[in-house]
Amino acid sequence: MSVAHTGHLVAVALASVPVGVDVELDDADVDGVPAALTDREIAVIAALPDAHRTDALRRVWVRKEAVLKALGFGLARDPRTIELSDPGAPPAVLAPAGPAGSAGMTLRDLEGAPGAVAALALAGVQPVEVREEDGDALLDVTSA
């Protein structure tokens, strides 16, 4: 089980495999996020137009925190040890550094709540289909 909350929103993910979820409101402060990013992630976001940088930081952050939760570390592990795909690209773990790795990691963006960004990570399963009904994300999971 994984739980995340921000403002008036709560995200809960239940699975029979390690799972991580994170959610942030669109107005969440992102000033500290660059300290959690790899050099490549920072360069990709810096190259974006100013109007898109804050949203990109928020997107990468929720993806990264969901992955760290699914790996069982949460923020006890340096987030810079996980490198993710570009914020505008399909979510994926590109370069897990350290012993845990990311074999079989499924990472998905969740778009259910207006004014928020969220991500879900599942370890040990491929693929995951996320479908939304009435603002709730429902998962169909098939083991790898």
C-alpha atoms as a PDB file:
ATOM      1  CA  MET A   1       0.000   0.000   0.000  1.00  0.00           C
ATOM      2  CA  SER A   2       1.127   3.546  -0.726  1.00  0.00           C
ATOM      3  CA  VAL A   3      -0.458   6.812   0.374  1.00  0.00           C
ATOM      4  CA  ALA A   4       0.172  10.393  -0.710  1.00  0.00           C
ATOM      5  CA  HIS A   5      -1.640  13.599   0.136  1.00  0.00           C
ATOM      6  CA  THR A   6      -1.513  17.240  -0.795  1.00  0.00           C
ATOM      7  CA  GLY A   7      -3.976  19.954   0.065  1.00  0.00           C
ATOM      8  CA  HIS A   8      -7.473  18.474  -0.289  1.00  0.00           C
ATOM      9  CA  LEU A   9      -6.356  15.391  -2.247  1.00  0.00           C
ATOM     10  CA  VAL A  10      -5.393  11.920  -1.093  1.00  0.00           C
ATOM     11  CA  ALA A  11      -4.058   9.155  -3.339  1.00  0.00           C
ATOM     12  CA  VAL A  12      -4.086   5.552  -2.144  1.00  0.00           C
ATOM     13  CA  ALA A  13      -2.653   2.638  -4.118  1.00  0.00           C
ATOM     14  CA  LEU A  14      -3.194  -0.976  -3.093  1.00  0.00           C
ATOM     15  CA  ALA A  15      -1.432  -3.821  -4.869  1.00  0.00           C
ATOM     16  CA  SER A  16      -0.080  -7.314  -4.283  1.00  0.00           C
ATOM     17  CA  VAL A  17       3.335  -6.060  -5.494  1.00  0.00           C
ATOM     18  CA  PRO A  18       5.409  -3.135  -4.212  1.00  0.00           C
ATOM     19  CA  VAL A  19       3.589   0.061  -5.150  1.00  0.00           C
ATOM     20  CA  GLY A  20       4.231   3.780  -4.906  1.00  0.00           C
ATOM     21  CA  VAL A  21       1.973   6.742  -5.561  1.00  0.00           C
ATOM     22  CA  ASP A  22       2.485  10.482  -5.310  1.00  0.00           C
ATOM     23  CA  VAL A  23       0.280  13.496  -5.970  1.00  0.00           C
ATOM     24  CA  GLU A  24       0.922  17.243  -5.957  1.00  0.00           C
ATOM     25  CA  LEU A  25      -1.352  20.213  -6.551  1.00  0.00           C
ATOM     26  CA  ASP A  26      -0.548  22.423  -9.526  1.00  0.00           C
ATOM     27  CA  ASP A  27       0.344  25.265  -7.159  1.00  0.00           C
ATOM     28  CA  ALA A  28       2.759  23.187  -5.042  1.00  0.00           C
ATOM     29  CA  ASP A  29       6.128  24.809  -4.383  1.00  0.00           C
ATOM     30  CA  VAL A  30       8.837  23.299  -6.602  1.00  0.00           C
ATOM     31  CA  ASP A  31      11.808  25.392  -5.440  1.00  0.00           C
ATOM     32  CA  GLY A  32      13.574  22.400  -3.836  1.00  0.00           C
ATOM     33  CA  VAL A  33      12.895  19.894  -6.612  1.00  0.00           C
ATOM     34  CA  PRO A  34      16.080  20.531  -8.654  1.00  0.00           C
ATOM     35  CA  ALA A  35      18.151  19.225  -5.712  1.00  0.00           C
ATOM     36  CA  ALA A  36      16.456  15.836  -6.253  1.00  0.00           C
ATOM     37  CA  LEU A  37      17.172  15.648  -9.990  1.00  0.00           C
ATOM     38  CA  THR A  38      20.067  14.212 -11.974  1.00  0.00           C
ATOM     39  CA  ASP A  39      22.214  16.502 -14.101  1.00  0.00           C
ATOM     40  CA  ARG A  40      20.466  15.239 -17.261  1.00  0.00           C
ATOM     41  CA  GLU A  41      16.998  15.837 -15.788  1.00  0.00           C
ATOM     42  CA  ILE A  42      17.997  19.391 -14.804  1.00  0.00           C
ATOM     43  CA  ALA A  43      19.378  20.078 -18.304  1.00  0.00           C
ATOM     44  CA  VAL A  44      16.197  18.779 -19.980  1.00  0.00           C
ATOM     45  CA  ILE A  45      13.974  20.974 -17.804  1.00  0.00           C
ATOM     46  CA  ALA A  46      16.255  24.022 -18.164  1.00  0.00           C
ATOM     47  CA  ALA A  47      15.926  23.736 -21.955  1.00  0.00           C
ATOM     48  CA  LEU A  48      12.133  24.047 -21.766  1.00  0.00           C
ATOM     49  CA  PRO A  49      10.372  27.400 -22.233  1.00  0.00           C
ATOM     50  CA  ASP A  50       9.936  29.242 -18.925  1.00  0.00           C
ATOM     51  CA  ALA A  51       6.165  28.696 -19.001  1.00  0.00           C
ATOM     52  CA  HIS A  52       6.613  24.889 -18.908  1.00  0.00           C
ATOM     53  CA  ARG A  53       9.397  24.448 -16.351  1.00  0.00           C
ATOM     54  CA  THR A  54       7.281  24.451 -13.201  1.00  0.00           C
ATOM     55  CA  ASP A  55       4.876  21.846 -14.591  1.00  0.00           C
ATOM     56  CA  ALA A  56       7.830  19.728 -15.762  1.00  0.00           C
ATOM     57  CA  LEU A  57       9.468  19.880 -12.321  1.00  0.00           C
ATOM     58  CA  ARG A  58       6.224  18.806 -10.688  1.00  0.00           C
ATOM     59  CA  ARG A  59       5.739  15.940 -13.178  1.00  0.00           C
ATOM     60  CA  VAL A  60       9.269  14.583 -12.691  1.00  0.00           C
ATOM     61  CA  TRP A  61       8.958  14.919  -8.918  1.00  0.00           C
ATOM     62  CA  VAL A  62       5.742  12.872  -8.574  1.00  0.00           C
ATOM     63  CA  ARG A  63       7.142  10.188 -10.881  1.00  0.00           C
ATOM     64  CA  LYS A  64      10.395  10.028  -8.929  1.00  0.00           C
ATOM     65  CA  GLU A  65       8.721   9.846  -5.519  1.00  0.00           C
ATOM     66  CA  ALA A  66       6.333   7.112  -6.723  1.00  0.00           C
ATOM     67  CA  VAL A  67       9.309   5.035  -7.949  1.00  0.00           C
ATOM     68  CA  LEU A  68      11.223   5.498  -4.692  1.00  0.00           C
ATOM     69  CA  LYS A  69       8.160   4.408  -2.718  1.00  0.00           C
ATOM     70  CA  ALA A  70       7.657   1.327  -4.927  1.00  0.00           C
ATOM     71  CA  LEU A  71      11.318   0.390  -4.415  1.00  0.00           C
ATOM     72  CA  GLY A  72      10.708   0.538  -0.659  1.00  0.00           C
ATOM     73  CA  PHE A  73      12.984   3.492   0.049  1.00  0.00           C
ATOM     74  CA  GLY A  74      10.774   6.546  -0.079  1.00  0.00           C
ATOM     75  CA  LEU A  75      12.824   9.651   0.547  1.00  0.00           C
ATOM     76  CA  ALA A  76      15.369   7.729   2.636  1.00  0.00           C
ATOM     77  CA  ARG A  77      17.219   7.142  -0.660  1.00  0.00           C
ATOM     78  CA  ASP A  78      18.820   9.994  -2.586  1.00  0.00           C
ATOM     79  CA  PRO A  79      16.351  10.766  -5.409  1.00  0.00           C
ATOM     80  CA  ARG A  80      19.285  11.550  -7.721  1.00  0.00           C
ATOM     81  CA  THR A  81      20.029   7.806  -7.865  1.00  0.00           C
ATOM     82  CA  ILE A  82      16.946   7.335 -10.052  1.00  0.00           C
ATOM     83  CA  GLU A  83      16.905   8.889 -13.523  1.00  0.00           C
ATOM     84  CA  LEU A  84      13.592   9.244 -15.300  1.00  0.00           C
ATOM     85  CA  SER A  85      12.404   9.915 -18.826  1.00  0.00           C
ATOM     86  CA  ASP A  86      11.760  13.491 -19.898  1.00  0.00           C
ATOM     87  CA  PRO A  87       8.609  15.058 -18.415  1.00  0.00           C
ATOM     88  CA  GLY A  88       6.858  15.192 -21.814  1.00  0.00           C
ATOM     89  CA  ALA A  89       7.781  11.599 -22.701  1.00  0.00           C
ATOM     90  CA  PRO A  90       6.036   8.419 -21.581  1.00  0.00           C
ATOM     91  CA  PRO A  91       7.071   7.764 -17.975  1.00  0.00           C
ATOM     92  CA  ALA A  92       9.975   5.357 -17.568  1.00  0.00           C
ATOM     93  CA  VAL A  93      12.912   4.667 -15.286  1.00  0.00           C
ATOM     94  CA  LEU A  94      16.035   5.186 -17.408  1.00  0.00           C
ATOM     95  CA  ALA A  95      18.947   4.695 -15.059  1.00  0.00           C
ATOM     96  CA  PRO A  96      18.523   3.205 -11.645  1.00  0.00           C
ATOM     97  CA  ALA A  97      21.758   3.681  -9.772  1.00  0.00           C
ATOM     98  CA  GLY A  98      22.567   1.575  -6.774  1.00  0.00           C
ATOM     99  CA  PRO A  99      21.635  -1.956  -5.752  1.00  0.00           C
ATOM    100  CA  ALA A 100      17.851  -1.929  -6.071  1.00  0.00           C
ATOM    101  CA  GLY A 101      17.555  -1.406  -9.814  1.00  0.00           C
ATOM    102  CA  SER A 102      14.182  -1.135 -11.519  1.00  0.00           C
ATOM    103  CA  ALA A 103      13.677  -4.434 -13.351  1.00  0.00           C
ATOM    104  CA  GLY A 104       9.994  -4.806 -14.033  1.00  0.00           C
ATOM    105  CA  MET A 105       9.131  -1.281 -12.866  1.00  0.00           C
ATOM    106  CA  THR A 106       5.942   0.104 -14.357  1.00  0.00           C
ATOM    107  CA  LEU A 107       5.479   3.861 -14.116  1.00  0.00           C
ATOM    108  CA  ARG A 108       2.296   5.678 -15.133  1.00  0.00           C
ATOM    109  CA  ASP A 109       0.974   9.222 -14.933  1.00  0.00           C
ATOM    110  CA  LEU A 110      -2.447   9.621 -13.324  1.00  0.00           C
ATOM    111  CA  GLU A 111      -4.599  12.483 -14.549  1.00  0.00           C
ATOM    112  CA  GLY A 112      -7.755  12.095 -12.439  1.00  0.00           C
ATOM    113  CA  ALA A 113      -7.955  15.256 -10.330  1.00  0.00           C
ATOM    114  CA  PRO A 114      -8.173  18.683 -11.958  1.00  0.00           C
ATOM    115  CA  GLY A 115      -5.455  20.980 -10.681  1.00  0.00           C
ATOM    116  CA  ALA A 116      -3.129  18.158  -9.673  1.00  0.00           C
ATOM    117  CA  VAL A 117      -0.463  15.871 -11.078  1.00  0.00           C
ATOM    118  CA  ALA A 118       0.068  12.294  -9.905  1.00  0.00           C
ATOM    119  CA  ALA A 119       2.080   9.178 -10.714  1.00  0.00           C
ATOM    120  CA  LEU A 120       1.900   5.485  -9.891  1.00  0.00           C
ATOM    121  CA  ALA A 121       4.784   2.989  -9.843  1.00  0.00           C
ATOM    122  CA  LEU A 122       4.536  -0.793  -9.520  1.00  0.00           C
ATOM    123  CA  ALA A 123       7.549  -3.048  -9.085  1.00  0.00           C
ATOM    124  CA  GLY A 124       7.651  -6.486 -10.673  1.00  0.00           C
ATOM    125  CA  VAL A 125       4.751  -6.162 -13.120  1.00  0.00           C
ATOM    126  CA  GLN A 126       4.422  -5.302 -16.792  1.00  0.00           C
ATOM    127  CA  PRO A 127       2.173  -3.976 -18.233  1.00  0.00           C
ATOM    128  CA  VAL A 128      -0.326  -1.942 -16.257  1.00  0.00           C
ATOM    129  CA  GLU A 129      -3.391  -0.474 -17.876  1.00  0.00           C
ATOM    130  CA  VAL A 130      -4.768   2.570 -16.070  1.00  0.00           C
ATOM    131  CA  ARG A 131      -8.321   3.548 -16.862  1.00  0.00           C
ATOM    132  CA  GLU A 132     -10.273   6.266 -15.131  1.00  0.00           C
ATOM    133  CA  GLU A 133     -13.927   6.270 -14.190  1.00  0.00           C
ATOM    134  CA  ASP A 134     -15.566   9.212 -12.456  1.00  0.00           C
ATOM    135  CA  GLY A 135     -12.191  10.591 -11.364  1.00  0.00           C
ATOM    136  CA  ASP A 136     -11.039   7.299  -9.849  1.00  0.00           C
ATOM    137  CA  ALA A 137      -8.143   5.422 -11.443  1.00  0.00           C
ATOM    138  CA  LEU A 138      -8.764   1.709 -11.830  1.00  0.00           C
ATOM    139  CA  LEU A 139      -5.862  -0.610 -12.539  1.00  0.00           C
ATOM    140  CA  ASP A 140      -5.754  -3.803 -14.535  1.00  0.00           C
ATOM    141  CA  VAL A 141      -2.494  -5.520 -13.668  1.00  0.00           C
ATOM    142  CA  THR A 142      -0.909  -8.440 -15.484  1.00  0.00           C
ATOM    143  CA  SER A 143       2.208 -10.000 -13.985  1.00  0.00           C
ATOM    144  CA  ALA A 144       5.353 -10.146 -16.072  1.00  0.00           C
END
